[in-house]
Amino acid sequence: MITSRFQIDFWTYPTASLDPVEIHVEPVAEQKLEALLNGASISFTVATEDVNKILQQEKTTARAGGFDGSYHRLGEVT
């Protein structure tokens, strides 16, 4: 099965209406999955090349905005 072979993480699931599906696949499997999809004439686009980079940027932005991710009692933040 393709999902176990490439460890695909579905971000949106396939539907009967054949709407686009968003998946995440580890970088080590990207080229093999692209070859498989091309071989089956399945069109695809890569929306995000590096998800980890975006996650790191979000963490940095959150910290810059004053939220440090630590637990604070209600009295400390009001």
PDB file of N, CA and C in Angstrom:
ATOM      1  N   MET A   1       0.842  -1.177   0.000  1.00  0.00           N
ATOM      2  CA  MET A   1       0.000   0.000   0.000  1.00  0.00           C
ATOM      3  C   MET A   1       0.888   1.242   0.000  1.00  0.00           C
ATOM      4  N   ILE A   2       0.486   2.248  -0.737  1.00  0.00           N
ATOM      5  CA  ILE A   2       1.307   3.447  -0.904  1.00  0.00           C
ATOM      6  C   ILE A   2       1.516   4.204   0.404  1.00  0.00           C
ATOM      7  N   THR A   3       0.504   4.250   1.280  1.00  0.00           N
ATOM      8  CA  THR A   3       0.644   5.020   2.521  1.00  0.00           C
ATOM      9  C   THR A   3       1.688   4.416   3.452  1.00  0.00           C
ATOM     10  N   SER A   4       1.806   3.121   3.499  1.00  0.00           N
ATOM     11  CA  SER A   4       2.812   2.515   4.369  1.00  0.00           C
ATOM     12  C   SER A   4       4.183   2.534   3.712  1.00  0.00           C
ATOM     13  N   ARG A   5       4.214   2.486   2.406  1.00  0.00           N
ATOM     14  CA  ARG A   5       5.490   2.493   1.691  1.00  0.00           C
ATOM     15  C   ARG A   5       6.204   3.835   1.809  1.00  0.00           C
ATOM     16  N   PHE A   6       5.440   4.912   1.810  1.00  0.00           N
ATOM     17  CA  PHE A   6       6.026   6.248   1.851  1.00  0.00           C
ATOM     18  C   PHE A   6       5.737   6.993   3.151  1.00  0.00           C
ATOM     19  N   GLN A   7       5.049   6.381   4.090  1.00  0.00           N
ATOM     20  CA  GLN A   7       4.665   7.012   5.348  1.00  0.00           C
ATOM     21  C   GLN A   7       4.025   8.378   5.094  1.00  0.00           C
ATOM     22  N   ILE A   8       2.935   8.354   4.355  1.00  0.00           N
ATOM     23  CA  ILE A   8       2.216   9.564   3.987  1.00  0.00           C
ATOM     24  C   ILE A   8       1.322  10.006   5.139  1.00  0.00           C
ATOM     25  N   ASP A   9       1.359  11.293   5.408  1.00  0.00           N
ATOM     26  CA  ASP A   9       0.487  11.901   6.397  1.00  0.00           C
ATOM     27  C   ASP A   9      -0.542  12.720   5.620  1.00  0.00           C
ATOM     28  N   PHE A  10      -1.804  12.272   5.634  1.00  0.00           N
ATOM     29  CA  PHE A  10      -2.854  12.994   4.921  1.00  0.00           C
ATOM     30  C   PHE A  10      -3.276  14.215   5.715  1.00  0.00           C
ATOM     31  N   TRP A  11      -3.209  15.392   5.081  1.00  0.00           N
ATOM     32  CA  TRP A  11      -3.674  16.625   5.701  1.00  0.00           C
ATOM     33  C   TRP A  11      -5.112  16.888   5.282  1.00  0.00           C
ATOM     34  N   THR A  12      -5.490  16.435   4.106  1.00  0.00           N
ATOM     35  CA  THR A  12      -6.888  16.369   3.680  1.00  0.00           C
ATOM     36  C   THR A  12      -7.057  14.997   3.051  1.00  0.00           C
ATOM     37  N   TYR A  13      -8.237  14.422   3.219  1.00  0.00           N
ATOM     38  CA  TYR A  13      -8.455  13.046   2.774  1.00  0.00           C
ATOM     39  C   TYR A  13      -9.148  12.992   1.420  1.00  0.00           C
ATOM     40  N   PRO A  14      -8.882  11.924   0.666  1.00  0.00           N
ATOM     41  CA  PRO A  14      -9.546  11.746  -0.630  1.00  0.00           C
ATOM     42  C   PRO A  14     -11.063  11.665  -0.443  1.00  0.00           C
ATOM     43  N   THR A  15     -11.781  12.200  -1.435  1.00  0.00           N
ATOM     44  CA  THR A  15     -13.235  12.168  -1.414  1.00  0.00           C
ATOM     45  C   THR A  15     -13.737  11.602  -2.734  1.00  0.00           C
ATOM     46  N   ALA A  16     -15.000  11.304  -2.773  1.00  0.00           N
ATOM     47  CA  ALA A  16     -15.603  10.781  -3.993  1.00  0.00           C
ATOM     48  C   ALA A  16     -15.635  11.835  -5.095  1.00  0.00           C
ATOM     49  N   SER A  17     -15.571  13.107  -4.738  1.00  0.00           N
ATOM     50  CA  SER A  17     -15.650  14.180  -5.739  1.00  0.00           C
ATOM     51  C   SER A  17     -14.315  14.452  -6.425  1.00  0.00           C
ATOM     52  N   LEU A  18     -13.292  13.730  -6.040  1.00  0.00           N
ATOM     53  CA  LEU A  18     -11.952  13.866  -6.628  1.00  0.00           C
ATOM     54  C   LEU A  18     -11.342  15.254  -6.429  1.00  0.00           C
ATOM     55  N   ASP A  19     -11.662  15.884  -5.304  1.00  0.00           N
ATOM     56  CA  ASP A  19     -11.028  17.151  -4.956  1.00  0.00           C
ATOM     57  C   ASP A  19      -9.552  16.905  -4.679  1.00  0.00           C
ATOM     58  N   PRO A  20      -8.723  17.952  -4.788  1.00  0.00           N
ATOM     59  CA  PRO A  20      -7.301  17.788  -4.467  1.00  0.00           C
ATOM     60  C   PRO A  20      -7.101  17.299  -3.034  1.00  0.00           C
ATOM     61  N   VAL A  21      -6.028  16.582  -2.823  1.00  0.00           N
ATOM     62  CA  VAL A  21      -5.685  16.035  -1.515  1.00  0.00           C
ATOM     63  C   VAL A  21      -4.340  16.617  -1.106  1.00  0.00           C
ATOM     64  N   GLU A  22      -4.223  17.003   0.152  1.00  0.00           N
ATOM     65  CA  GLU A  22      -2.957  17.510   0.671  1.00  0.00           C
ATOM     66  C   GLU A  22      -2.327  16.427   1.539  1.00  0.00           C
ATOM     67  N   ILE A  23      -1.061  16.141   1.252  1.00  0.00           N
ATOM     68  CA  ILE A  23      -0.331  15.132   2.015  1.00  0.00           C
ATOM     69  C   ILE A  23       1.017  15.680   2.430  1.00  0.00           C
ATOM     70  N   HIS A  24       1.605  15.024   3.411  1.00  0.00           N
ATOM     71  CA  HIS A  24       2.974  15.328   3.827  1.00  0.00           C
ATOM     72  C   HIS A  24       3.758  14.037   3.708  1.00  0.00           C
ATOM     73  N   VAL A  25       4.942  14.142   3.151  1.00  0.00           N
ATOM     74  CA  VAL A  25       5.819  12.983   3.041  1.00  0.00           C
ATOM     75  C   VAL A  25       7.226  13.429   3.446  1.00  0.00           C
ATOM     76  N   GLU A  26       7.937  12.554   4.113  1.00  0.00           N
ATOM     77  CA  GLU A  26       9.303  12.881   4.551  1.00  0.00           C
ATOM     78  C   GLU A  26      10.194  13.158   3.338  1.00  0.00           C
ATOM     79  N   PRO A  27      11.155  14.059   3.478  1.00  0.00           N
ATOM     80  CA  PRO A  27      12.035  14.411   2.365  1.00  0.00           C
ATOM     81  C   PRO A  27      12.744  13.214   1.721  1.00  0.00           C
ATOM     82  N   VAL A  28      13.075  12.201   2.512  1.00  0.00           N
ATOM     83  CA  VAL A  28      13.792  11.048   1.953  1.00  0.00           C
ATOM     84  C   VAL A  28      12.948  10.262   0.959  1.00  0.00           C
ATOM     85  N   ALA A  29      11.624  10.386   1.030  1.00  0.00           N
ATOM     86  CA  ALA A  29      10.734   9.644   0.132  1.00  0.00           C
ATOM     87  C   ALA A  29      10.170  10.508  -0.989  1.00  0.00           C
ATOM     88  N   GLU A  30      10.476  11.774  -0.986  1.00  0.00           N
ATOM     89  CA  GLU A  30       9.865  12.707  -1.932  1.00  0.00           C
ATOM     90  C   GLU A  30      10.114  12.330  -3.395  1.00  0.00           C
ATOM     91  N   GLN A  31      11.346  12.076  -3.754  1.00  0.00           N
ATOM     92  CA  GLN A  31      11.657  11.760  -5.154  1.00  0.00           C
ATOM     93  C   GLN A  31      11.000  10.460  -5.611  1.00  0.00           C
ATOM     94  N   LYS A  32      10.984   9.462  -4.751  1.00  0.00           N
ATOM     95  CA  LYS A  32      10.364   8.188  -5.122  1.00  0.00           C
ATOM     96  C   LYS A  32       8.858   8.354  -5.300  1.00  0.00           C
ATOM     97  N   LEU A  33       8.225   9.126  -4.412  1.00  0.00           N
ATOM     98  CA  LEU A  33       6.788   9.354  -4.527  1.00  0.00           C
ATOM     99  C   LEU A  33       6.476  10.138  -5.797  1.00  0.00           C
ATOM    100  N   GLU A  34       7.272  11.153  -6.095  1.00  0.00           N
ATOM    101  CA  GLU A  34       7.068  11.923  -7.320  1.00  0.00           C
ATOM    102  C   GLU A  34       7.194  11.024  -8.550  1.00  0.00           C
ATOM    103  N   ALA A  35       8.174  10.123  -8.564  1.00  0.00           N
ATOM    104  CA  ALA A  35       8.345   9.200  -9.681  1.00  0.00           C
ATOM    105  C   ALA A  35       7.126   8.283  -9.823  1.00  0.00           C
ATOM    106  N   LEU A  36       6.617   7.803  -8.695  1.00  0.00           N
ATOM    107  CA  LEU A  36       5.436   6.938  -8.713  1.00  0.00           C
ATOM    108  C   LEU A  36       4.220   7.686  -9.263  1.00  0.00           C
ATOM    109  N   LEU A  37       4.002   8.905  -8.786  1.00  0.00           N
ATOM    110  CA  LEU A  37       2.865   9.692  -9.251  1.00  0.00           C
ATOM    111  C   LEU A  37       2.991  10.029 -10.729  1.00  0.00           C
ATOM    112  N   ASN A  38       4.184  10.422 -11.157  1.00  0.00           N
ATOM    113  CA  ASN A  38       4.413  10.704 -12.575  1.00  0.00           C
ATOM    114  C   ASN A  38       4.177   9.462 -13.423  1.00  0.00           C
ATOM    115  N   GLY A  39       4.657   8.316 -12.965  1.00  0.00           N
ATOM    116  CA  GLY A  39       4.483   7.061 -13.686  1.00  0.00           C
ATOM    117  C   GLY A  39       3.032   6.656 -13.827  1.00  0.00           C
ATOM    118  N   ALA A  40       2.206   7.061 -12.873  1.00  0.00           N
ATOM    119  CA  ALA A  40       0.776   6.752 -12.916  1.00  0.00           C
ATOM    120  C   ALA A  40      -0.027   7.892 -13.551  1.00  0.00           C
ATOM    121  N   SER A  41       0.666   8.884 -14.106  1.00  0.00           N
ATOM    122  CA  SER A  41       0.034  10.062 -14.725  1.00  0.00           C
ATOM    123  C   SER A  41      -0.901  10.794 -13.764  1.00  0.00           C
ATOM    124  N   ILE A  42      -0.461  10.884 -12.507  1.00  0.00           N
ATOM    125  CA  ILE A  42      -1.215  11.627 -11.494  1.00  0.00           C
ATOM    126  C   ILE A  42      -0.560  12.991 -11.344  1.00  0.00           C
ATOM    127  N   SER A  43      -1.335  14.035 -11.620  1.00  0.00           N
ATOM    128  CA  SER A  43      -0.766  15.380 -11.520  1.00  0.00           C
ATOM    129  C   SER A  43      -0.665  15.789 -10.050  1.00  0.00           C
ATOM    130  N   PHE A  44       0.348  16.566  -9.743  1.00  0.00           N
ATOM    131  CA  PHE A  44       0.571  17.025  -8.376  1.00  0.00           C
ATOM    132  C   PHE A  44       1.380  18.303  -8.386  1.00  0.00           C
ATOM    133  N   THR A  45       1.311  19.026  -7.303  1.00  0.00           N
ATOM    134  CA  THR A  45       2.170  20.185  -7.092  1.00  0.00           C
ATOM    135  C   THR A  45       2.723  20.097  -5.674  1.00  0.00           C
ATOM    136  N   VAL A  46       3.913  20.611  -5.513  1.00  0.00           N
ATOM    137  CA  VAL A  46       4.528  20.680  -4.192  1.00  0.00           C
ATOM    138  C   VAL A  46       4.210  22.059  -3.644  1.00  0.00           C
ATOM    139  N   ALA A  47       3.382  22.098  -2.619  1.00  0.00           N
ATOM    140  CA  ALA A  47       2.942  23.378  -2.055  1.00  0.00           C
ATOM    141  C   ALA A  47       3.980  23.973  -1.114  1.00  0.00           C
ATOM    142  N   THR A  48       4.650  23.127  -0.353  1.00  0.00           N
ATOM    143  CA  THR A  48       5.631  23.589   0.624  1.00  0.00           C
ATOM    144  C   THR A  48       6.841  22.672   0.567  1.00  0.00           C
ATOM    145  N   GLU A  49       7.978  23.243   0.242  1.00  0.00           N
ATOM    146  CA  GLU A  49       9.197  22.444   0.130  1.00  0.00           C
ATOM    147  C   GLU A  49       9.730  22.001   1.489  1.00  0.00           C
ATOM    148  N   ASP A  50       9.633  22.880   2.493  1.00  0.00           N
ATOM    149  CA  ASP A  50      10.250  22.595   3.785  1.00  0.00           C
ATOM    150  C   ASP A  50       9.311  23.000   4.921  1.00  0.00           C
ATOM    151  N   VAL A  51       8.519  22.060   5.387  1.00  0.00           N
ATOM    152  CA  VAL A  51       7.556  22.327   6.456  1.00  0.00           C
ATOM    153  C   VAL A  51       8.275  22.698   7.746  1.00  0.00           C
ATOM    154  N   ASN A  52       9.389  22.048   8.042  1.00  0.00           N
ATOM    155  CA  ASN A  52      10.131  22.355   9.271  1.00  0.00           C
ATOM    156  C   ASN A  52      10.583  23.808   9.314  1.00  0.00           C
ATOM    157  N   LYS A  53      10.969  24.352   8.179  1.00  0.00           N
ATOM    158  CA  LYS A  53      11.398  25.749   8.124  1.00  0.00           C
ATOM    159  C   LYS A  53      10.241  26.673   8.509  1.00  0.00           C
ATOM    160  N   ILE A  54       9.050  26.372   8.004  1.00  0.00           N
ATOM    161  CA  ILE A  54       7.877  27.181   8.338  1.00  0.00           C
ATOM    162  C   ILE A  54       7.545  27.065   9.823  1.00  0.00           C
ATOM    163  N   LEU A  55       7.634  25.854  10.371  1.00  0.00           N
ATOM    164  CA  LEU A  55       7.363  25.662  11.796  1.00  0.00           C
ATOM    165  C   LEU A  55       8.343  26.452  12.656  1.00  0.00           C
ATOM    166  N   GLN A  56       9.606  26.457  12.271  1.00  0.00           N
ATOM    167  CA  GLN A  56      10.601  27.219  13.025  1.00  0.00           C
ATOM    168  C   GLN A  56      10.311  28.714  12.955  1.00  0.00           C
ATOM    169  N   GLN A  57       9.889  29.197  11.777  1.00  0.00           N
ATOM    170  CA  GLN A  57       9.550  30.613  11.638  1.00  0.00           C
ATOM    171  C   GLN A  57       8.358  30.975  12.520  1.00  0.00           C
ATOM    172  N   GLU A  58       7.372  30.081  12.595  1.00  0.00           N
ATOM    173  CA  GLU A  58       6.214  30.335  13.441  1.00  0.00           C
ATOM    174  C   GLU A  58       6.612  30.405  14.905  1.00  0.00           C
ATOM    175  N   LYS A  59       7.505  29.532  15.331  1.00  0.00           N
ATOM    176  CA  LYS A  59       7.968  29.556  16.719  1.00  0.00           C
ATOM    177  C   LYS A  59       8.680  30.863  17.017  1.00  0.00           C
ATOM    178  N   THR A  60       9.515  31.316  16.098  1.00  0.00           N
ATOM    179  CA  THR A  60      10.259  32.557  16.283  1.00  0.00           C
ATOM    180  C   THR A  60       9.302  33.738  16.339  1.00  0.00           C
ATOM    181  N   THR A  61       8.315  33.746  15.471  1.00  0.00           N
ATOM    182  CA  THR A  61       7.331  34.826  15.453  1.00  0.00           C
ATOM    183  C   THR A  61       6.538  34.854  16.750  1.00  0.00           C
ATOM    184  N   ALA A  62       6.153  33.694  17.241  1.00  0.00           N
ATOM    185  CA  ALA A  62       5.392  33.628  18.486  1.00  0.00           C
ATOM    186  C   ALA A  62       6.204  34.184  19.645  1.00  0.00           C
ATOM    187  N   ARG A  63       7.466  33.847  19.708  1.00  0.00           N
ATOM    188  CA  ARG A  63       8.316  34.358  20.793  1.00  0.00           C
ATOM    189  C   ARG A  63       8.508  35.853  20.678  1.00  0.00           C
ATOM    190  N   ALA A  64       8.663  36.351  19.464  1.00  0.00           N
ATOM    191  CA  ALA A  64       8.859  37.783  19.267  1.00  0.00           C
ATOM    192  C   ALA A  64       7.614  38.566  19.669  1.00  0.00           C
ATOM    193  N   GLY A  65       6.458  37.928  19.582  1.00  0.00           N
ATOM    194  CA  GLY A  65       5.211  38.588  19.943  1.00  0.00           C
ATOM    195  C   GLY A  65       4.959  38.612  21.437  1.00  0.00           C
ATOM    196  N   GLY A  66       5.836  38.014  22.223  1.00  0.00           N
ATOM    197  CA  GLY A  66       5.705  38.062  23.663  1.00  0.00           C
ATOM    198  C   GLY A  66       5.229  36.767  24.292  1.00  0.00           C
ATOM    199  N   PHE A  67       4.789  35.824  23.526  1.00  0.00           N
ATOM    200  CA  PHE A  67       4.360  34.544  24.082  1.00  0.00           C
ATOM    201  C   PHE A  67       5.553  33.618  24.107  1.00  0.00           C
ATOM    202  N   ASP A  68       5.953  33.167  25.290  1.00  0.00           N
ATOM    203  CA  ASP A  68       7.163  32.348  25.389  1.00  0.00           C
ATOM    204  C   ASP A  68       6.881  30.858  25.507  1.00  0.00           C
ATOM    205  N   GLY A  69       5.616  30.473  25.510  1.00  0.00           N
ATOM    206  CA  GLY A  69       5.279  29.058  25.568  1.00  0.00           C
ATOM    207  C   GLY A  69       5.297  28.471  26.970  1.00  0.00           C
ATOM    208  N   SER A  70       5.663  29.245  27.960  1.00  0.00           N
ATOM    209  CA  SER A  70       5.694  28.763  29.337  1.00  0.00           C
ATOM    210  C   SER A  70       4.313  28.883  29.967  1.00  0.00           C
ATOM    211  N   TYR A  71       4.060  28.054  30.964  1.00  0.00           N
ATOM    212  CA  TYR A  71       2.800  28.121  31.696  1.00  0.00           C
ATOM    213  C   TYR A  71       2.849  29.297  32.656  1.00  0.00           C
ATOM    214  N   HIS A  72       1.789  30.093  32.664  1.00  0.00           N
ATOM    215  CA  HIS A  72       1.661  31.211  33.600  1.00  0.00           C
ATOM    216  C   HIS A  72       0.286  31.154  34.245  1.00  0.00           C
ATOM    217  N   ARG A  73       0.237  31.432  35.523  1.00  0.00           N
ATOM    218  CA  ARG A  73      -1.054  31.502  36.224  1.00  0.00           C
ATOM    219  C   ARG A  73      -1.834  32.717  35.713  1.00  0.00           C
ATOM    220  N   LEU A  74      -3.148  32.637  35.827  1.00  0.00           N
ATOM    221  CA  LEU A  74      -4.014  33.691  35.335  1.00  0.00           C
ATOM    222  C   LEU A  74      -3.638  35.049  35.900  1.00  0.00           C
ATOM    223  N   GLY A  75      -3.311  35.109  37.171  1.00  0.00           N
ATOM    224  CA  GLY A  75      -2.937  36.379  37.787  1.00  0.00           C
ATOM    225  C   GLY A  75      -1.671  36.987  37.201  1.00  0.00           C
ATOM    226  N   GLU A  76      -0.807  36.169  36.650  1.00  0.00           N
ATOM    227  CA  GLU A  76       0.435  36.670  36.066  1.00  0.00           C
ATOM    228  C   GLU A  76       0.221  37.319  34.698  1.00  0.00           C
ATOM    229  N   VAL A  77      -0.833  36.919  33.999  1.00  0.00           N
ATOM    230  CA  VAL A  77      -1.022  37.435  32.648  1.00  0.00           C
ATOM    231  C   VAL A  77      -2.106  38.495  32.536  1.00  0.00           C
ATOM    232  N   THR A  78      -2.856  38.715  33.602  1.00  0.00           N
ATOM    233  CA  THR A  78      -3.920  39.726  33.549  1.00  0.00           C
ATOM    234  C   THR A  78      -3.535  40.975  34.289  1.00  0.00           C
TER     235      THR A  78
END
